[in-house]
Amino acid sequence: MGQAAIESDGINVFVLYNGVRVAKRSHSGTPLAGTWMSLEPGYTVRDKGYPQELVVEYEGKVVSLLKTYTGDER
């Protein structure tokens, strides 16, 4: 699997996969709020309890799983 990361430019939040921005988080107050918009063809990003777990798929196959920890896990 490749490397995924979260990046912010101070206004927008992006998911990077192998250094390329593949998705952008939709802003609150918009119809797509709380979802990831694909920036690269074939990529889908979904989350489970954002930002605890992000799944990056390419053409329907999981290529990266990013888990972050809040410090509450044991």
N, C-alpha and C. Protein backbone atom coordinates (compact mmCIF):
# COMPACT_ATOMS: atom_id res chain seq x y z
N MET A 1 0.84 -1.19 0.00
CA MET A 1 0.00 0.00 0.00
C MET A 1 0.88 1.24 0.00
N GLY A 2 0.35 2.29 -0.61
CA GLY A 2 1.06 3.55 -0.65
C GLY A 2 0.85 4.38 0.61
N GLN A 3 1.45 5.54 0.64
CA GLN A 3 1.42 6.42 1.79
C GLN A 3 0.37 7.50 1.62
N ALA A 4 -0.54 7.64 2.60
CA ALA A 4 -1.53 8.70 2.60
C ALA A 4 -1.23 9.67 3.73
N ALA A 5 -1.63 10.93 3.55
CA ALA A 5 -1.43 11.95 4.57
C ALA A 5 -2.52 13.00 4.43
N ILE A 6 -2.72 13.76 5.50
CA ILE A 6 -3.66 14.88 5.49
C ILE A 6 -2.82 16.16 5.49
N GLU A 7 -3.25 17.14 4.67
CA GLU A 7 -2.54 18.41 4.56
C GLU A 7 -3.55 19.54 4.52
N SER A 8 -3.21 20.66 5.12
CA SER A 8 -4.06 21.84 5.07
C SER A 8 -3.26 23.03 4.58
N ASP A 9 -3.93 23.88 3.80
CA ASP A 9 -3.29 25.12 3.36
C ASP A 9 -3.79 26.31 4.17
N GLY A 10 -4.49 26.01 5.27
CA GLY A 10 -5.06 27.05 6.11
C GLY A 10 -6.50 27.36 5.78
N ILE A 11 -6.95 26.94 4.62
CA ILE A 11 -8.33 27.14 4.19
C ILE A 11 -8.98 25.79 3.87
N ASN A 12 -8.27 24.97 3.13
CA ASN A 12 -8.78 23.68 2.69
C ASN A 12 -7.98 22.54 3.32
N VAL A 13 -8.63 21.37 3.41
CA VAL A 13 -7.97 20.16 3.90
C VAL A 13 -7.93 19.17 2.73
N PHE A 14 -6.76 18.57 2.53
CA PHE A 14 -6.55 17.65 1.41
C PHE A 14 -6.07 16.30 1.92
N VAL A 15 -6.35 15.27 1.12
CA VAL A 15 -5.71 13.97 1.32
C VAL A 15 -4.67 13.82 0.22
N LEU A 16 -3.44 13.51 0.64
CA LEU A 16 -2.37 13.25 -0.29
C LEU A 16 -2.13 11.75 -0.35
N TYR A 17 -1.89 11.26 -1.54
CA TYR A 17 -1.52 9.86 -1.71
C TYR A 17 -0.23 9.85 -2.51
N ASN A 18 0.81 9.33 -1.91
CA ASN A 18 2.15 9.35 -2.52
C ASN A 18 2.54 10.75 -2.97
N GLY A 19 2.19 11.76 -2.14
CA GLY A 19 2.59 13.13 -2.40
C GLY A 19 1.70 13.93 -3.32
N VAL A 20 0.63 13.32 -3.84
CA VAL A 20 -0.29 13.99 -4.78
C VAL A 20 -1.62 14.25 -4.09
N ARG A 21 -2.13 15.47 -4.21
CA ARG A 21 -3.46 15.77 -3.65
C ARG A 21 -4.52 15.03 -4.47
N VAL A 22 -5.18 14.07 -3.83
CA VAL A 22 -6.18 13.28 -4.54
C VAL A 22 -7.60 13.62 -4.15
N ALA A 23 -7.78 14.33 -3.00
CA ALA A 23 -9.13 14.68 -2.57
C ALA A 23 -9.08 15.92 -1.69
N LYS A 24 -10.21 16.63 -1.67
CA LYS A 24 -10.35 17.85 -0.89
C LYS A 24 -11.62 17.72 -0.04
N ARG A 25 -11.54 18.12 1.21
CA ARG A 25 -12.69 18.06 2.12
C ARG A 25 -13.63 19.20 1.79
N SER A 26 -14.92 18.89 1.64
CA SER A 26 -15.92 19.92 1.35
C SER A 26 -16.14 20.80 2.58
N HIS A 27 -16.42 22.06 2.35
CA HIS A 27 -16.62 23.02 3.43
C HIS A 27 -17.99 22.84 4.09
N SER A 28 -18.06 23.16 5.38
CA SER A 28 -19.34 23.12 6.08
C SER A 28 -20.26 24.18 5.48
N GLY A 29 -21.55 23.93 5.54
CA GLY A 29 -22.52 24.86 4.98
C GLY A 29 -22.75 24.68 3.49
N THR A 30 -22.10 23.69 2.89
CA THR A 30 -22.31 23.40 1.47
C THR A 30 -23.06 22.07 1.35
N PRO A 31 -23.68 21.80 0.21
CA PRO A 31 -24.42 20.55 0.05
C PRO A 31 -23.56 19.28 0.26
N LEU A 32 -22.27 19.37 0.00
CA LEU A 32 -21.40 18.21 0.15
C LEU A 32 -20.59 18.24 1.44
N ALA A 33 -20.98 19.06 2.40
CA ALA A 33 -20.23 19.21 3.65
C ALA A 33 -19.93 17.86 4.28
N GLY A 34 -18.69 17.73 4.74
CA GLY A 34 -18.29 16.50 5.42
C GLY A 34 -17.92 15.35 4.50
N THR A 35 -17.81 15.62 3.20
CA THR A 35 -17.42 14.57 2.26
C THR A 35 -16.11 14.97 1.58
N TRP A 36 -15.50 14.00 0.93
CA TRP A 36 -14.26 14.24 0.20
C TRP A 36 -14.55 14.31 -1.30
N MET A 37 -14.10 15.37 -1.94
CA MET A 37 -14.26 15.54 -3.39
C MET A 37 -12.97 15.07 -4.06
N SER A 38 -13.10 14.19 -5.02
CA SER A 38 -11.94 13.68 -5.73
C SER A 38 -11.32 14.78 -6.59
N LEU A 39 -9.99 14.87 -6.55
CA LEU A 39 -9.26 15.82 -7.38
C LEU A 39 -8.52 15.12 -8.52
N GLU A 40 -8.41 13.80 -8.41
CA GLU A 40 -7.72 12.99 -9.42
C GLU A 40 -8.64 11.87 -9.88
N PRO A 41 -8.74 11.64 -11.18
CA PRO A 41 -9.62 10.58 -11.69
C PRO A 41 -9.28 9.22 -11.08
N GLY A 42 -10.33 8.47 -10.73
CA GLY A 42 -10.17 7.11 -10.22
C GLY A 42 -10.05 7.01 -8.72
N TYR A 43 -9.81 8.13 -8.02
CA TYR A 43 -9.63 8.09 -6.56
C TYR A 43 -10.92 8.38 -5.83
N THR A 44 -11.12 7.67 -4.74
CA THR A 44 -12.23 7.89 -3.82
C THR A 44 -11.65 7.90 -2.41
N VAL A 45 -12.07 8.86 -1.61
CA VAL A 45 -11.65 8.90 -0.22
C VAL A 45 -12.90 8.90 0.64
N ARG A 46 -12.90 8.05 1.64
CA ARG A 46 -14.01 8.03 2.58
C ARG A 46 -13.43 7.93 3.97
N ASP A 47 -14.21 8.35 4.93
CA ASP A 47 -13.70 8.31 6.30
C ASP A 47 -14.68 7.59 7.21
N LYS A 48 -14.11 7.16 8.32
CA LYS A 48 -14.90 6.54 9.39
C LYS A 48 -14.56 7.34 10.64
N GLY A 49 -15.49 8.20 11.06
CA GLY A 49 -15.24 9.02 12.23
C GLY A 49 -14.12 10.02 12.03
N TYR A 50 -14.12 10.72 10.90
CA TYR A 50 -13.06 11.66 10.54
C TYR A 50 -12.58 12.43 11.75
N PRO A 51 -11.29 12.55 11.99
CA PRO A 51 -10.19 12.10 11.15
C PRO A 51 -9.57 10.78 11.61
N GLN A 52 -10.26 10.01 12.44
CA GLN A 52 -9.66 8.79 12.98
C GLN A 52 -9.24 7.78 11.93
N GLU A 53 -10.01 7.65 10.86
CA GLU A 53 -9.65 6.66 9.84
C GLU A 53 -10.06 7.16 8.46
N LEU A 54 -9.11 7.16 7.53
CA LEU A 54 -9.37 7.52 6.14
C LEU A 54 -9.00 6.35 5.25
N VAL A 55 -9.86 6.06 4.29
CA VAL A 55 -9.62 5.00 3.33
C VAL A 55 -9.48 5.63 1.95
N VAL A 56 -8.35 5.37 1.29
CA VAL A 56 -8.11 5.87 -0.06
C VAL A 56 -8.24 4.69 -1.01
N GLU A 57 -9.11 4.85 -2.01
CA GLU A 57 -9.31 3.80 -3.01
C GLU A 57 -8.93 4.35 -4.38
N TYR A 58 -8.41 3.48 -5.20
CA TYR A 58 -8.14 3.82 -6.60
C TYR A 58 -8.81 2.77 -7.46
N GLU A 59 -9.71 3.23 -8.31
CA GLU A 59 -10.50 2.35 -9.19
C GLU A 59 -11.12 1.20 -8.39
N GLY A 60 -11.67 1.54 -7.21
CA GLY A 60 -12.43 0.59 -6.40
C GLY A 60 -11.61 -0.31 -5.50
N LYS A 61 -10.29 -0.17 -5.50
CA LYS A 61 -9.44 -1.01 -4.64
C LYS A 61 -8.76 -0.14 -3.59
N VAL A 62 -8.75 -0.62 -2.35
CA VAL A 62 -8.11 0.12 -1.27
C VAL A 62 -6.60 0.16 -1.52
N VAL A 63 -6.06 1.38 -1.56
CA VAL A 63 -4.63 1.54 -1.78
C VAL A 63 -3.93 2.12 -0.55
N SER A 64 -4.71 2.68 0.39
CA SER A 64 -4.12 3.20 1.60
C SER A 64 -5.16 3.31 2.70
N LEU A 65 -4.72 3.07 3.91
CA LEU A 65 -5.56 3.20 5.09
C LEU A 65 -4.79 4.05 6.09
N LEU A 66 -5.34 5.21 6.43
CA LEU A 66 -4.67 6.13 7.34
C LEU A 66 -5.45 6.18 8.63
N LYS A 67 -4.80 5.80 9.71
CA LYS A 67 -5.43 5.87 11.03
C LYS A 67 -4.69 6.90 11.87
N THR A 68 -5.45 7.80 12.48
CA THR A 68 -4.87 8.76 13.41
C THR A 68 -5.40 8.43 14.79
N TYR A 69 -4.70 8.85 15.78
CA TYR A 69 -5.09 8.52 17.14
C TYR A 69 -5.25 9.79 17.96
N THR A 70 -6.27 9.80 18.81
CA THR A 70 -6.58 10.97 19.61
C THR A 70 -5.96 10.90 20.99
N GLY A 71 -5.39 9.76 21.34
CA GLY A 71 -4.82 9.59 22.67
C GLY A 71 -5.77 8.89 23.62
N ASP A 72 -7.03 8.69 23.20
CA ASP A 72 -8.01 8.02 24.04
C ASP A 72 -8.01 6.51 23.85
N GLU A 73 -7.30 6.03 22.82
CA GLU A 73 -7.29 4.60 22.54
C GLU A 73 -6.41 3.88 23.54
N ARG A 74 -6.73 2.65 23.82
CA ARG A 74 -5.93 1.84 24.74
C ARG A 74 -5.55 0.56 24.08
